[in-house]
Amino acid sequence: LQQLEKAGLVKKKKDRAERRDVEALESAIDNLSMVLTEVRKKR
């Protein structure tokens, strides 16, 4: 039982970390698209 709980905790931490990575990627993509729009406007 303890091992199962440990595995569950590890999985939760991993999921949380992955979600953080995804959010960071999404905001980076948002920033990139804003920059691209600005560059296109200047052309």
Protein backbone atom coordinates (compact mmCIF):
# COMPACT_ATOMS: atom_id res chain seq x y z
CA LEU A 1 0.00 0.00 0.00
CA GLN A 2 2.78 2.44 0.91
CA GLN A 3 4.50 1.78 -2.39
CA LEU A 4 1.27 2.50 -4.25
CA GLU A 5 0.90 5.79 -2.39
CA LYS A 6 4.50 6.71 -3.19
CA ALA A 7 3.94 5.91 -6.86
CA GLY A 8 0.80 8.06 -6.82
CA LEU A 9 2.71 10.97 -5.28
CA VAL A 10 5.49 10.65 -7.82
CA LYS A 11 2.96 10.61 -10.63
CA LYS A 12 1.20 13.69 -9.25
CA LYS A 13 4.51 15.57 -9.06
CA LYS A 14 5.36 14.49 -12.59
CA ASP A 15 1.95 15.57 -13.91
CA ARG A 16 2.34 18.92 -12.19
CA ALA A 17 5.80 19.41 -13.68
CA GLU A 18 4.54 18.50 -17.16
CA ARG A 19 1.64 20.90 -16.82
CA ARG A 20 4.12 23.65 -15.85
CA ASP A 21 6.24 22.84 -18.91
CA VAL A 22 3.18 22.97 -21.16
CA GLU A 23 2.12 26.32 -19.72
CA ALA A 24 5.62 27.72 -20.19
CA LEU A 25 5.63 26.49 -23.81
CA GLU A 26 2.21 28.00 -24.45
CA SER A 27 3.23 31.41 -23.13
CA ALA A 28 6.47 31.28 -25.14
CA ILE A 29 4.41 30.51 -28.26
CA ASP A 30 2.05 33.40 -27.46
CA ASN A 31 5.03 35.75 -27.11
CA LEU A 32 6.50 34.52 -30.38
CA SER A 33 3.28 35.04 -32.29
CA MET A 34 2.97 38.57 -30.88
CA VAL A 35 6.52 39.33 -32.01
CA LEU A 36 5.79 37.89 -35.45
CA THR A 37 2.68 40.04 -35.79
CA GLU A 38 4.72 43.13 -34.91
CA VAL A 39 7.42 42.20 -37.44
CA ARG A 40 4.81 41.69 -40.17
CA LYS A 41 3.27 45.09 -39.41
CA LYS A 42 6.65 46.81 -39.80
CA ARG A 43 7.33 45.29 -43.23
